[in-house]
């Protein structure tokens, strides 16, 4: 059941998040990757090449886990490792050209639908929507950081 009032923006945002999660699960299954693999691909698509350390921090996984993830994505042809242009101690992870050319069916349709929705938003409302979405993303980021790095007992089971 959806929100009862247009004033309940938090409920609309939660509903969008739930449906996007559902779409992403279907997309990961269709692409033959895990949810974490898909998260990595989305970070690379949104922000461009990242070091393994940066990618691991964004995914909240260990350095060993990110190495295995990148190995897996590279073997499947989704990503490539490239030397860092200014610091030879680092390797950058970037989407492969194959990843862009072979995006799963349905993803382009979803992106087109979102672009059509954006095009339909009156220009005088865009700033308020962008500000709201940026603040919501910031709240989610802070919550993730708090949960990941939070107090020593947060998220631990009692013995």
Protein backbone atom coordinates (compact mmCIF):
# COMPACT_ATOMS: atom_id res chain seq x y z
CA UNK A 1 0.00 0.00 0.00
CA UNK A 2 1.35 3.41 -0.96
CA UNK A 3 1.31 6.77 0.79
CA UNK A 4 -2.07 8.31 1.56
CA UNK A 5 -1.03 11.93 1.15
CA UNK A 6 1.26 13.92 -1.12
CA UNK A 7 2.64 15.41 2.10
CA UNK A 8 4.15 12.03 3.06
CA UNK A 9 7.29 12.41 0.93
CA UNK A 10 9.25 10.03 3.16
CA UNK A 11 6.77 7.25 2.32
CA UNK A 12 7.08 7.99 -1.40
CA UNK A 13 10.86 7.91 -1.14
CA UNK A 14 10.73 4.61 0.74
CA UNK A 15 8.40 3.16 -1.89
CA UNK A 16 10.77 4.24 -4.67
CA UNK A 17 13.69 2.68 -2.79
CA UNK A 18 11.87 -0.61 -2.36
CA UNK A 19 10.85 -0.81 -6.02
CA UNK A 20 14.35 0.17 -7.17
CA UNK A 21 15.80 -2.54 -4.94
CA UNK A 22 13.41 -5.01 -6.53
CA UNK A 23 14.42 -3.88 -10.03
CA UNK A 24 18.11 -4.13 -9.10
CA UNK A 25 17.67 -7.68 -7.78
CA UNK A 26 16.07 -8.67 -11.09
CA UNK A 27 18.83 -6.86 -13.00
CA UNK A 28 21.58 -8.62 -11.03
CA UNK A 29 19.93 -11.99 -11.61
CA UNK A 30 19.53 -11.23 -15.33
CA UNK A 31 23.17 -10.10 -15.63
CA UNK A 32 24.43 -13.10 -13.67
CA UNK A 33 26.10 -11.04 -10.95
CA UNK A 34 25.60 -10.63 -7.21
CA UNK A 35 24.00 -7.57 -5.66
CA UNK A 36 27.40 -6.37 -4.44
CA UNK A 37 28.83 -6.83 -7.95
CA UNK A 38 25.98 -4.72 -9.31
CA UNK A 39 26.62 -2.08 -6.64
CA UNK A 40 30.26 -1.92 -7.77
CA UNK A 41 29.23 -1.54 -11.41
CA UNK A 42 26.80 1.24 -10.48
CA UNK A 43 29.49 3.13 -8.54
CA UNK A 44 31.84 2.87 -11.50
CA UNK A 45 29.09 3.97 -13.90
CA UNK A 46 28.15 6.95 -11.73
CA UNK A 47 31.62 8.14 -10.71
CA UNK A 48 34.04 6.75 -13.29
CA UNK A 49 37.24 4.86 -12.48
CA UNK A 50 37.97 4.19 -8.80
CA UNK A 51 40.83 2.63 -6.91
CA UNK A 52 40.09 -0.72 -5.29
CA UNK A 53 40.35 0.99 -1.91
CA UNK A 54 37.74 3.62 -2.85
CA UNK A 55 35.47 0.95 -4.29
CA UNK A 56 35.83 -1.17 -1.16
CA UNK A 57 34.97 1.80 1.06
CA UNK A 58 31.86 2.59 -1.00
CA UNK A 59 30.74 -1.03 -0.77
CA UNK A 60 31.75 -1.42 2.90
CA UNK A 61 33.79 -4.54 2.16
CA UNK A 62 37.32 -5.59 3.08
CA UNK A 63 40.32 -5.22 0.81
CA UNK A 64 40.39 -8.98 0.27
CA UNK A 65 36.72 -9.03 -0.66
CA UNK A 66 37.10 -6.14 -3.11
CA UNK A 67 40.06 -7.91 -4.74
CA UNK A 68 37.93 -11.03 -5.27
CA UNK A 69 35.04 -8.90 -6.54
CA UNK A 70 37.26 -7.09 -9.07
CA UNK A 71 38.85 -10.40 -10.15
CA UNK A 72 35.36 -11.83 -10.74
CA UNK A 73 34.10 -8.78 -12.65
CA UNK A 74 37.27 -8.60 -14.72
CA UNK A 75 37.06 -12.32 -15.63
CA UNK A 76 33.43 -11.78 -16.70
CA UNK A 77 34.44 -8.80 -18.86
CA UNK A 78 32.60 -6.14 -16.85
CA UNK A 79 35.64 -4.14 -15.65
CA UNK A 80 39.29 -3.47 -16.49
CA UNK A 81 42.27 -2.59 -14.33
CA UNK A 82 44.29 0.42 -15.52
CA UNK A 83 47.38 2.10 -14.08
CA UNK A 84 46.60 5.24 -12.08
CA UNK A 85 47.71 8.21 -14.23
CA UNK A 86 49.45 10.10 -11.43
CA UNK A 87 50.26 7.55 -8.72
CA UNK A 88 51.82 4.29 -9.80
CA UNK A 89 51.09 2.71 -6.40
CA UNK A 90 47.42 2.47 -7.39
CA UNK A 91 45.40 0.68 -10.01
CA UNK A 92 42.12 2.13 -11.23
CA UNK A 93 39.08 -0.03 -11.81
CA UNK A 94 36.85 1.10 -14.66
CA UNK A 95 33.92 -0.25 -16.63
CA UNK A 96 34.97 -2.12 -19.74
CA UNK A 97 33.68 -1.10 -23.16
CA UNK A 98 31.96 -4.48 -23.24
CA UNK A 99 29.99 -3.54 -20.10
CA UNK A 100 28.59 -0.44 -21.80
CA UNK A 101 27.87 -2.27 -25.05
CA UNK A 102 26.19 -5.28 -23.42
CA UNK A 103 24.04 -3.70 -20.75
CA UNK A 104 21.26 -6.08 -19.71
CA UNK A 105 17.99 -5.80 -21.59
CA UNK A 106 15.57 -3.68 -19.61
CA UNK A 107 18.21 -1.36 -18.17
CA UNK A 108 18.05 0.96 -21.19
CA UNK A 109 14.26 0.99 -20.91
CA UNK A 110 14.46 1.90 -17.23
CA UNK A 111 16.98 4.69 -17.95
CA UNK A 112 14.76 6.01 -20.76
CA UNK A 113 11.73 5.99 -18.47
CA UNK A 114 13.62 7.95 -15.82
CA UNK A 115 14.85 10.46 -18.43
CA UNK A 116 11.28 10.92 -19.67
CA UNK A 117 10.10 11.54 -16.11
CA UNK A 118 12.89 14.07 -15.57
CA UNK A 119 12.00 15.83 -18.82
CA UNK A 120 8.42 16.18 -17.56
CA UNK A 121 9.42 17.99 -14.35
CA UNK A 122 8.78 21.73 -14.66
CA UNK A 123 12.03 23.70 -14.49
CA UNK A 124 10.86 25.76 -11.50
CA UNK A 125 10.48 22.54 -9.44
CA UNK A 126 13.81 20.95 -10.35
CA UNK A 127 15.89 22.78 -7.76
CA UNK A 128 13.59 21.74 -4.90
CA UNK A 129 13.54 18.11 -6.08
CA UNK A 130 17.31 18.02 -6.58
CA UNK A 131 17.88 19.56 -3.13
CA UNK A 132 15.54 17.03 -1.53
CA UNK A 133 17.16 14.06 -3.30
CA UNK A 134 20.67 15.27 -2.47
CA UNK A 135 19.71 15.66 1.20
CA UNK A 136 18.10 12.19 1.20
CA UNK A 137 21.26 10.71 -0.35
CA UNK A 138 23.33 12.49 2.30
CA UNK A 139 21.14 11.08 5.08
CA UNK A 140 21.52 7.58 3.64
CA UNK A 141 25.29 8.02 3.33
CA UNK A 142 25.59 9.22 6.91
CA UNK A 143 23.45 6.35 8.18
CA UNK A 144 25.64 3.86 6.29
CA UNK A 145 28.80 5.41 7.75
CA UNK A 146 27.33 5.41 11.25
CA UNK A 147 26.32 1.77 10.94
CA UNK A 148 29.61 0.72 9.42
CA UNK A 149 31.93 2.70 11.68
CA UNK A 150 29.55 3.27 14.56
CA UNK A 151 29.83 2.48 18.24
CA UNK A 152 31.71 -0.69 19.16
CA UNK A 153 28.54 -2.62 19.95
CA UNK A 154 26.39 -1.45 17.03
CA UNK A 155 25.40 -4.32 14.80
CA UNK A 156 27.11 -6.95 17.00
CA UNK A 157 25.29 -9.88 18.50
CA UNK A 158 25.42 -10.38 22.21
CA UNK A 159 27.05 -13.58 23.45
